Amino acid sequence: MTETLNQPKARDYMFDTFRGILMLSIPISHFTKASSNWYAALWAGGGFAHHSLCGFVYITINVFVMQAFMFLSGYFSKKPERARETAFRGVLWPYLVFTTITMIASWGFNAPIGHYFSYLTPSFALWFLLALFLYRFSLVDIVKFRWALPMSIVMMFAVGLLPFGQFLALGRVFSYFPFFLLGFYCSKETLDKVRSLKKKPVIVGLLGAALVFMSIYLMYNGPKLGWFLLKTNCDHFGMPWYEDSLYRLLVFALACGWIVFMVNILSSKQNFLCYIGTNTMPIYLFHLGLRHVITQKGLYIGCIATLFVAWFSGISLLHRKHKNWPVSVALTVLSIAGVVAVCVSGLLEPLYGGCPHNLFLFYILVFGSALLAGVSFSAPFWVKLYDILTEGFLRTPLMVQWLQGKKEEEK
């Protein structure tokens, strides 16, 4: 009996698998939208993304992926004091680092993104980090309010009416906050009851079919694709307020449905997706560079850039296996030189701004490169690079001393 009590609790890998699927979905969403814009411009005369396989994939992902991420983040924030303590180093600091990198890179490469945002108006996917910081930092105070969850749902609908704009990504902050609180208030016992639905596979199957059907419906009858990002009000899309509210209610229901569906079909055993799920931040942040390559240079160049990333990932995997520093360094230096030579040689210029006309090949390149990017950025090289960028400065003697002083003050 004593031995049983002392045994460590078995890890439920369902959560890691869930995060892995969500994380791979994000590059698929971003690559799909950026690539289909090129296809629409070159071959379809506009409007391609919405009524197509790309539209179906994009809508399906964006009605639940970030909501599910917020749900899981809230579920693992059961200790509000601890959430506040880790909010700066774990979330806000990476946001500041990658916002700075994005602005410098944008100005250096003369890309349009970066010329119009600051630290208070997050660019593109970086809003997630700022929102998560605000959630975790304020959670200790918010949970003292009895009606926090219903009020967050009211604010989710109010965002469709209020002109928040881009400041602090408040549109998205309020749109996704109910899911963070749902995760926070969801106990293990409640989640176990939800997961018991797997004992009724027919119901789970019908739920999945209904969710897919709704994505098809929204593909043909839903609002514009930009609306699904939930970042601005109805006036921006020329929608009456009641239509915006009905769609928000529908997305809320679909997101909850997808969360229920996923927790019932995913295994609790360890698998490859678990590794992806434990390295989400490098994937989330680094893949944005490839997304911008596709946006600026086309799908062909984006795929080639993804192959470059995968090559360096392969080198890091070989190094982790053999621990041969001279060979690894030599391969890395030669590879960098090779990438630079290819880029400046002009060999890639005929591919700029291009994507295949054949739809089958187009889908292969889009979804294949997105999955390859997601898997590649989980490799040791990129995980270590992320650690250096976000933790390197914080580990300097001056910062260590300052952080220790802050902890002593709090005590």
Protein backbone atom coordinates (compact mmCIF):
# COMPACT_ATOMS: atom_id res chain seq x y z
CA MET A 1 0.00 0.00 0.00
CA THR A 2 2.83 2.39 0.87
CA GLU A 3 4.62 1.64 -2.40
CA THR A 4 1.44 2.38 -4.35
CA LEU A 5 0.99 5.73 -2.66
CA ASN A 6 4.60 6.70 -3.30
CA GLN A 7 4.50 5.89 -7.01
CA PRO A 8 4.68 8.98 -9.25
CA LYS A 9 1.45 9.87 -10.97
CA ALA A 10 1.36 8.67 -14.57
CA ARG A 11 1.47 11.51 -17.10
CA ASP A 12 -1.62 11.92 -19.23
CA TYR A 13 -0.16 12.40 -22.69
CA MET A 14 -3.53 13.39 -24.11
CA PHE A 15 -2.77 17.02 -23.29
CA ASP A 16 0.62 16.90 -25.06
CA THR A 17 -0.97 15.22 -28.06
CA PHE A 18 -3.72 17.82 -28.12
CA ARG A 19 -1.18 20.65 -28.02
CA GLY A 20 0.82 18.93 -30.76
CA ILE A 21 -2.19 18.79 -33.08
CA LEU A 22 -3.10 22.39 -32.31
CA MET A 23 0.46 23.53 -32.94
CA LEU A 24 0.71 21.80 -36.30
CA SER A 25 -2.64 23.30 -37.26
CA ILE A 26 -1.37 26.85 -36.90
CA PRO A 27 1.28 26.74 -39.68
CA ILE A 28 -1.27 24.92 -41.83
CA SER A 29 -3.70 27.80 -41.28
CA HIS A 30 -1.10 30.49 -41.97
CA PHE A 31 0.43 28.79 -45.01
CA THR A 32 -3.02 28.03 -46.40
CA LYS A 33 -4.20 31.63 -46.26
CA ALA A 34 -0.96 33.13 -47.58
CA SER A 35 -0.66 30.59 -50.42
CA SER A 36 -4.30 30.74 -51.48
CA ASN A 37 -3.99 34.51 -51.82
CA TRP A 38 -1.27 33.90 -54.40
CA TYR A 39 -3.39 31.30 -56.18
CA ALA A 40 -6.34 33.69 -56.26
CA ALA A 41 -4.17 36.46 -57.70
CA LEU A 42 -2.43 34.31 -60.32
CA TRP A 43 -5.02 31.79 -61.42
CA ALA A 44 -8.46 32.20 -59.89
CA GLY A 45 -9.11 35.90 -60.28
CA GLY A 46 -9.79 36.37 -56.57
CA GLY A 47 -12.02 34.70 -54.02
CA PHE A 48 -10.26 31.34 -54.16
CA ALA A 49 -9.58 30.89 -50.47
CA HIS A 50 -13.14 30.91 -49.17
CA HIS A 51 -14.92 28.40 -51.42
CA SER A 52 -12.28 25.71 -51.65
CA LEU A 53 -10.45 23.05 -49.72
CA CYS A 54 -8.20 25.82 -48.42
CA GLY A 55 -11.25 27.71 -47.20
CA PHE A 56 -12.58 24.61 -45.47
CA VAL A 57 -9.25 23.94 -43.76
CA TYR A 58 -8.77 27.57 -42.75
CA ILE A 59 -12.26 27.91 -41.29
CA THR A 60 -12.11 24.56 -39.48
CA ILE A 61 -8.84 25.50 -37.83
CA ASN A 62 -9.83 29.03 -36.91
CA VAL A 63 -13.12 28.18 -35.23
CA PHE A 64 -11.35 26.24 -32.49
CA VAL A 65 -7.53 26.17 -32.46
CA MET A 66 -6.75 29.34 -30.51
CA GLN A 67 -9.80 28.76 -28.33
CA ALA A 68 -8.48 25.31 -27.47
CA PHE A 69 -5.00 26.69 -26.78
CA MET A 70 -6.53 29.19 -24.37
CA PHE A 71 -8.60 26.47 -22.74
CA LEU A 72 -5.52 24.35 -22.11
CA SER A 73 -3.58 27.38 -20.88
CA GLY A 74 -6.33 28.13 -18.38
CA TYR A 75 -6.60 24.48 -17.34
CA PHE A 76 -2.92 24.48 -16.38
CA SER A 77 -3.14 27.82 -14.55
CA LYS A 78 -4.90 26.50 -11.47
CA LYS A 79 -2.53 28.42 -9.19
CA PRO A 80 -3.13 32.11 -9.97
CA GLU A 81 -0.22 33.31 -7.83
CA ARG A 82 2.17 31.02 -9.69
CA ALA A 83 0.66 32.13 -13.01
CA ARG A 84 1.46 35.73 -12.16
CA GLU A 85 5.00 34.88 -11.06
CA THR A 86 5.80 33.17 -14.37
CA ALA A 87 3.87 35.55 -16.63
CA PHE A 88 6.74 37.94 -17.31
CA ARG A 89 9.56 35.48 -17.95
CA GLY A 90 7.51 32.80 -19.66
CA VAL A 91 5.25 34.91 -21.85
CA LEU A 92 5.82 38.67 -21.89
CA TRP A 93 9.58 38.48 -22.33
CA PRO A 94 9.37 36.23 -25.43
CA TYR A 95 6.74 38.64 -26.77
CA LEU A 96 9.08 41.60 -26.34
CA VAL A 97 12.02 39.70 -27.84
CA PHE A 98 10.19 38.49 -30.95
CA THR A 99 8.38 41.78 -31.47
CA THR A 100 11.78 43.47 -31.55
CA ILE A 101 13.17 40.85 -33.93
CA THR A 102 10.15 41.22 -36.21
CA MET A 103 10.47 44.99 -36.37
CA ILE A 104 14.20 44.86 -37.10
CA ALA A 105 13.77 42.17 -39.75
CA SER A 106 10.87 44.04 -41.35
CA TRP A 107 12.81 47.27 -41.64
CA GLY A 108 15.91 45.44 -42.83
CA PHE A 109 14.07 43.58 -45.60
CA ASN A 110 11.70 46.47 -46.31
CA ALA A 111 8.66 44.32 -45.65
CA PRO A 112 5.38 46.09 -44.91
CA ILE A 113 4.80 44.28 -41.63
CA GLY A 114 6.66 46.03 -38.86
CA HIS A 115 6.22 49.54 -40.19
CA TYR A 116 2.88 49.98 -38.51
CA PHE A 117 3.08 48.29 -35.12
CA SER A 118 4.76 48.80 -31.80
CA TYR A 119 4.95 46.87 -28.56
CA LEU A 120 1.40 48.02 -27.77
CA THR A 121 -0.05 46.97 -31.14
CA PRO A 122 1.11 43.38 -31.62
CA SER A 123 1.72 42.16 -35.12
CA PHE A 124 -0.01 39.12 -36.52
CA ALA A 125 0.31 35.99 -34.33
CA LEU A 126 2.33 37.71 -31.61
CA TRP A 127 -0.97 38.86 -30.11
CA PHE A 128 -1.29 35.42 -28.50
CA LEU A 129 1.66 36.02 -26.19
CA LEU A 130 0.41 39.42 -25.11
CA ALA A 131 -3.09 38.06 -24.46
CA LEU A 132 -1.74 35.12 -22.49
CA PHE A 133 0.38 37.46 -20.37
CA LEU A 134 -2.64 39.63 -19.58
CA TYR A 135 -4.66 36.54 -18.64
CA ARG A 136 -2.03 35.01 -16.39
CA PHE A 137 -0.94 38.23 -14.75
CA SER A 138 -4.47 39.38 -13.93
CA LEU A 139 -5.91 35.94 -13.06
CA VAL A 140 -5.19 36.26 -9.34
CA ASP A 141 -7.45 39.33 -9.22
CA ILE A 142 -10.07 38.24 -11.74
CA VAL A 143 -10.96 34.99 -9.94
CA LYS A 144 -12.00 37.06 -6.93
CA PHE A 145 -14.89 38.35 -9.03
CA ARG A 146 -17.82 35.96 -8.77
CA TRP A 147 -19.21 36.66 -12.23
CA ALA A 148 -15.90 36.62 -14.10
CA LEU A 149 -16.85 33.87 -16.56
CA PRO A 150 -20.29 35.19 -17.59
CA MET A 151 -18.89 38.70 -17.86
CA SER A 152 -16.08 37.44 -20.10
CA ILE A 153 -18.71 35.90 -22.39
CA VAL A 154 -20.59 39.21 -22.49
CA MET A 155 -17.36 40.97 -23.47
CA MET A 156 -16.76 38.41 -26.21
CA PHE A 157 -19.99 39.57 -27.85
CA ALA A 158 -19.34 43.24 -27.06
CA VAL A 159 -16.09 43.10 -29.04
CA GLY A 160 -18.22 42.77 -32.16
CA LEU A 161 -19.72 46.18 -31.43
CA LEU A 162 -16.89 48.18 -29.86
CA PRO A 163 -14.10 49.84 -31.92
CA PHE A 164 -11.11 48.43 -30.07
CA GLY A 165 -8.73 48.55 -33.03
CA GLN A 166 -5.24 47.05 -32.78
CA PHE A 167 -4.27 48.52 -29.39
CA LEU A 168 -3.09 45.67 -27.12
CA ALA A 169 -4.99 43.29 -29.42
CA LEU A 170 -7.99 43.92 -27.14
CA GLY A 171 -10.43 42.53 -29.68
CA ARG A 172 -8.78 39.15 -29.50
CA VAL A 173 -7.99 39.43 -25.79
CA PHE A 174 -11.71 39.67 -24.97
CA SER A 175 -12.81 37.24 -27.70
CA TYR A 176 -10.69 34.36 -26.37
CA PHE A 177 -10.74 35.13 -22.64
CA PRO A 178 -13.88 33.01 -21.95
CA PHE A 179 -12.00 29.90 -23.06
CA PHE A 180 -9.09 30.64 -20.75
CA LEU A 181 -11.53 30.94 -17.85
CA LEU A 182 -13.41 27.82 -18.94
CA GLY A 183 -10.12 25.95 -18.73
CA PHE A 184 -9.32 27.49 -15.35
CA TYR A 185 -12.68 26.59 -13.83
CA CYS A 186 -12.74 23.13 -15.44
CA SER A 187 -11.68 20.62 -12.76
CA LYS A 188 -10.04 17.30 -13.48
CA GLU A 189 -13.23 15.57 -12.39
CA THR A 190 -15.31 17.63 -14.82
CA LEU A 191 -12.91 16.95 -17.68
CA ASP A 192 -12.94 13.22 -16.86
CA LYS A 193 -16.73 13.26 -17.17
CA VAL A 194 -16.44 14.96 -20.55
CA ARG A 195 -13.85 12.39 -21.66
CA SER A 196 -16.14 9.54 -20.63
CA LEU A 197 -18.11 10.30 -23.79
CA LYS A 198 -15.57 8.10 -25.60
CA LYS A 199 -17.50 5.13 -24.21
CA LYS A 200 -20.22 6.11 -26.66
CA PRO A 201 -18.36 6.16 -30.00
CA VAL A 202 -21.53 6.69 -32.01
CA ILE A 203 -22.18 9.99 -30.25
CA VAL A 204 -18.54 11.06 -30.68
CA GLY A 205 -18.73 10.18 -34.37
CA LEU A 206 -21.94 12.15 -34.84
CA LEU A 207 -20.38 15.11 -33.05
CA GLY A 208 -17.38 15.00 -35.38
CA ALA A 209 -19.62 14.77 -38.44
CA ALA A 210 -21.70 17.73 -37.24
CA LEU A 211 -18.57 19.83 -36.71
CA VAL A 212 -17.28 19.04 -40.20
CA PHE A 213 -20.69 19.82 -41.68
CA MET A 214 -20.68 23.24 -39.99
CA SER A 215 -17.28 24.01 -41.50
CA ILE A 216 -18.69 23.20 -44.93
CA TYR A 217 -21.68 25.41 -44.23
CA LEU A 218 -19.47 28.31 -43.13
CA MET A 219 -17.27 27.78 -46.19
CA TYR A 220 -20.22 28.66 -48.44
CA ASN A 221 -22.43 30.82 -46.22
CA GLY A 222 -20.21 32.22 -43.48
CA PRO A 223 -18.59 35.64 -43.07
CA LYS A 224 -15.32 36.68 -44.68
CA LEU A 225 -12.25 34.71 -43.65
CA GLY A 226 -10.81 37.66 -41.77
CA TRP A 227 -13.82 37.68 -39.45
CA PHE A 228 -12.85 34.30 -37.98
CA LEU A 229 -9.81 35.92 -36.36
CA LEU A 230 -12.24 37.72 -34.00
CA LYS A 231 -10.07 40.78 -33.74
CA THR A 232 -12.33 43.61 -34.87
CA ASN A 233 -15.94 44.74 -34.84
CA CYS A 234 -18.81 44.10 -37.21
CA ASP A 235 -18.52 47.50 -38.93
CA HIS A 236 -15.17 46.48 -40.37
CA PHE A 237 -16.89 43.69 -42.32
CA GLY A 238 -20.09 45.56 -43.08
CA MET A 239 -22.16 43.22 -40.91
CA PRO A 240 -25.18 44.13 -38.76
CA TRP A 241 -24.51 43.67 -35.04
CA TYR A 242 -26.99 40.82 -34.63
CA GLU A 243 -25.35 38.81 -37.43
CA ASP A 244 -21.94 39.27 -35.82
CA SER A 245 -23.37 38.14 -32.47
CA LEU A 246 -25.00 35.06 -33.99
CA TYR A 247 -21.76 34.04 -35.66
CA ARG A 248 -19.84 34.59 -32.42
CA LEU A 249 -22.34 32.37 -30.62
CA LEU A 250 -21.92 29.74 -33.33
CA VAL A 251 -18.12 29.86 -33.14
CA PHE A 252 -18.30 29.62 -29.34
CA ALA A 253 -20.42 26.46 -29.65
CA LEU A 254 -18.20 25.00 -32.39
CA ALA A 255 -15.03 25.62 -30.36
CA CYS A 256 -16.56 23.88 -27.33
CA GLY A 257 -17.68 21.04 -29.57
CA TRP A 258 -14.21 20.59 -31.06
CA ILE A 259 -12.62 20.57 -27.60
CA VAL A 260 -15.06 17.89 -26.44
CA PHE A 261 -14.47 15.90 -29.62
CA MET A 262 -10.69 16.08 -29.43
CA VAL A 263 -10.34 15.11 -25.76
CA ASN A 264 -12.45 12.04 -26.51
CA ILE A 265 -10.57 10.77 -29.55
CA LEU A 266 -6.97 11.46 -28.52
CA SER A 267 -4.89 8.79 -26.87
CA SER A 268 -3.36 9.16 -23.41
CA LYS A 269 -0.29 7.22 -24.53
CA GLN A 270 2.99 8.79 -25.57
CA ASN A 271 3.54 9.40 -29.29
CA PHE A 272 5.40 11.69 -31.67
CA LEU A 273 2.81 14.44 -31.35
CA CYS A 274 3.65 14.65 -27.65
CA TYR A 275 7.13 15.90 -28.57
CA ILE A 276 5.57 18.57 -30.78
CA GLY A 277 3.23 19.49 -27.95
CA THR A 278 6.08 20.08 -25.52
CA ASN A 279 7.93 22.40 -27.92
CA THR A 280 5.12 24.67 -29.06
CA MET A 281 6.76 28.06 -28.56
CA PRO A 282 9.67 27.60 -31.01
CA ILE A 283 7.25 26.29 -33.63
CA TYR A 284 4.70 29.04 -33.05
CA LEU A 285 7.20 31.87 -33.25
CA PHE A 286 9.74 30.68 -35.83
CA HIS A 287 7.23 29.51 -38.43
CA LEU A 288 6.00 33.10 -38.75
CA GLY A 289 9.17 33.89 -40.71
CA LEU A 290 8.28 31.27 -43.31
CA ARG A 291 4.74 32.58 -43.46
CA HIS A 292 6.10 36.03 -44.30
CA VAL A 293 8.36 34.51 -46.97
CA ILE A 294 5.30 32.99 -48.65
CA THR A 295 3.39 36.25 -48.34
CA GLN A 296 6.19 38.30 -49.89
CA LYS A 297 7.86 35.87 -52.32
CA GLY A 298 5.30 33.20 -53.19
CA LEU A 299 4.66 29.54 -52.42
CA TYR A 300 7.64 28.15 -54.35
CA ILE A 301 10.15 30.26 -52.40
CA GLY A 302 8.31 29.45 -49.16
CA CYS A 303 8.68 25.74 -49.84
CA ILE A 304 12.39 26.13 -50.58
CA ALA A 305 12.86 28.14 -47.38
CA THR A 306 11.05 25.36 -45.49
CA LEU A 307 13.46 22.81 -46.95
CA PHE A 308 16.38 24.95 -45.74
CA VAL A 309 14.87 24.93 -42.25
CA ALA A 310 14.37 21.17 -42.39
CA TRP A 311 18.02 20.71 -43.46
CA PHE A 312 19.32 22.56 -40.40
CA SER A 313 16.89 20.58 -38.25
CA GLY A 314 18.36 17.40 -39.66
CA ILE A 315 21.87 18.54 -38.75
CA SER A 316 20.78 19.19 -35.18
CA LEU A 317 19.19 15.74 -34.94
CA LEU A 318 22.41 14.14 -36.17
CA HIS A 319 24.36 16.14 -33.61
CA ARG A 320 22.08 15.04 -30.79
CA LYS A 321 22.69 11.42 -31.80
CA HIS A 322 26.46 11.51 -32.42
CA LYS A 323 27.63 14.52 -30.34
CA ASN A 324 30.35 15.30 -32.88
CA TRP A 325 30.92 19.05 -32.62
CA PRO A 326 33.54 19.46 -35.38
CA VAL A 327 31.35 17.70 -37.94
CA SER A 328 28.18 19.51 -36.82
CA VAL A 329 29.84 22.94 -36.92
CA ALA A 330 31.39 22.24 -40.33
CA LEU A 331 28.04 21.08 -41.75
CA THR A 332 26.30 24.14 -40.33
CA VAL A 333 28.85 26.61 -41.72
CA LEU A 334 28.86 24.94 -45.13
CA SER A 335 25.07 24.87 -45.17
CA ILE A 336 24.81 28.56 -44.33
CA ALA A 337 27.30 29.34 -47.06
CA GLY A 338 25.31 27.20 -49.49
CA VAL A 339 22.02 28.93 -48.62
CA VAL A 340 23.60 32.36 -49.08
CA ALA A 341 25.15 31.30 -52.40
CA VAL A 342 21.82 30.03 -53.71
CA CYS A 343 19.98 33.18 -52.60
CA VAL A 344 22.45 35.63 -54.20
CA SER A 345 23.06 33.59 -57.35
CA GLY A 346 19.74 34.52 -58.93
CA LEU A 347 18.73 30.88 -59.42
CA LEU A 348 15.54 31.41 -57.43
CA GLU A 349 14.40 34.58 -59.18
CA PRO A 350 12.18 32.77 -61.76
CA LEU A 351 10.26 31.26 -58.84
CA TYR A 352 9.48 34.57 -57.11
CA GLY A 353 5.77 35.27 -56.76
CA GLY A 354 4.80 31.87 -58.09
CA CYS A 355 2.63 28.92 -57.14
CA PRO A 356 1.48 25.91 -59.19
CA HIS A 357 -1.69 26.10 -61.28
CA ASN A 358 -2.46 22.43 -60.74
CA LEU A 359 -4.62 22.24 -57.61
CA PHE A 360 -3.38 18.81 -56.54
CA LEU A 361 0.25 19.97 -56.61
CA PHE A 362 -0.77 23.23 -54.94
CA TYR A 363 -2.37 21.39 -52.00
CA ILE A 364 0.61 19.06 -51.69
CA LEU A 365 3.03 21.99 -51.46
CA VAL A 366 0.89 24.02 -49.06
CA PHE A 367 0.02 21.30 -46.56
CA GLY A 368 3.31 19.45 -46.96
CA SER A 369 5.45 22.53 -46.34
CA ALA A 370 3.27 23.56 -43.37
CA LEU A 371 3.62 20.17 -41.69
CA LEU A 372 7.34 20.02 -42.49
CA ALA A 373 7.81 23.48 -40.95
CA GLY A 374 5.92 22.49 -37.82
CA VAL A 375 7.94 19.32 -37.32
CA SER A 376 11.25 20.96 -38.25
CA PHE A 377 10.97 23.81 -35.76
CA SER A 378 10.63 21.30 -32.94
CA ALA A 379 14.16 20.03 -33.65
CA PRO A 380 16.93 20.69 -31.08
CA PHE A 381 18.56 23.47 -33.14
CA TRP A 382 15.47 25.66 -33.10
CA VAL A 383 14.52 24.81 -29.52
CA LYS A 384 18.01 25.85 -28.44
CA LEU A 385 17.88 29.00 -30.55
CA TYR A 386 14.58 29.94 -28.94
CA ASP A 387 16.08 29.31 -25.52
CA ILE A 388 19.08 31.53 -26.33
CA LEU A 389 16.91 34.35 -27.66
CA THR A 390 14.48 34.33 -24.75
CA GLU A 391 16.63 33.17 -21.85
CA GLY A 392 20.14 34.29 -22.79
CA PHE A 393 19.75 37.86 -21.59
CA LEU A 394 17.81 36.79 -18.50
CA ARG A 395 20.72 34.56 -17.46
CA THR A 396 23.31 37.32 -17.46
CA PRO A 397 24.72 38.04 -13.96
CA LEU A 398 23.07 41.48 -13.85
CA MET A 399 19.61 40.15 -14.71
CA VAL A 400 19.96 37.16 -12.37
CA GLN A 401 20.83 39.52 -9.54
CA TRP A 402 17.88 41.79 -10.37
CA LEU A 403 15.42 38.89 -10.57
CA GLN A 404 16.63 37.48 -7.28
CA GLY A 405 16.18 40.92 -5.71
CA LYS A 406 12.61 41.09 -7.01
CA LYS A 407 11.83 37.69 -5.48
CA GLU A 408 13.22 38.76 -2.12
CA GLU A 409 11.10 41.92 -2.24
CA GLU A 410 7.97 39.89 -2.93
CA LYS A 411 8.72 37.66 0.05
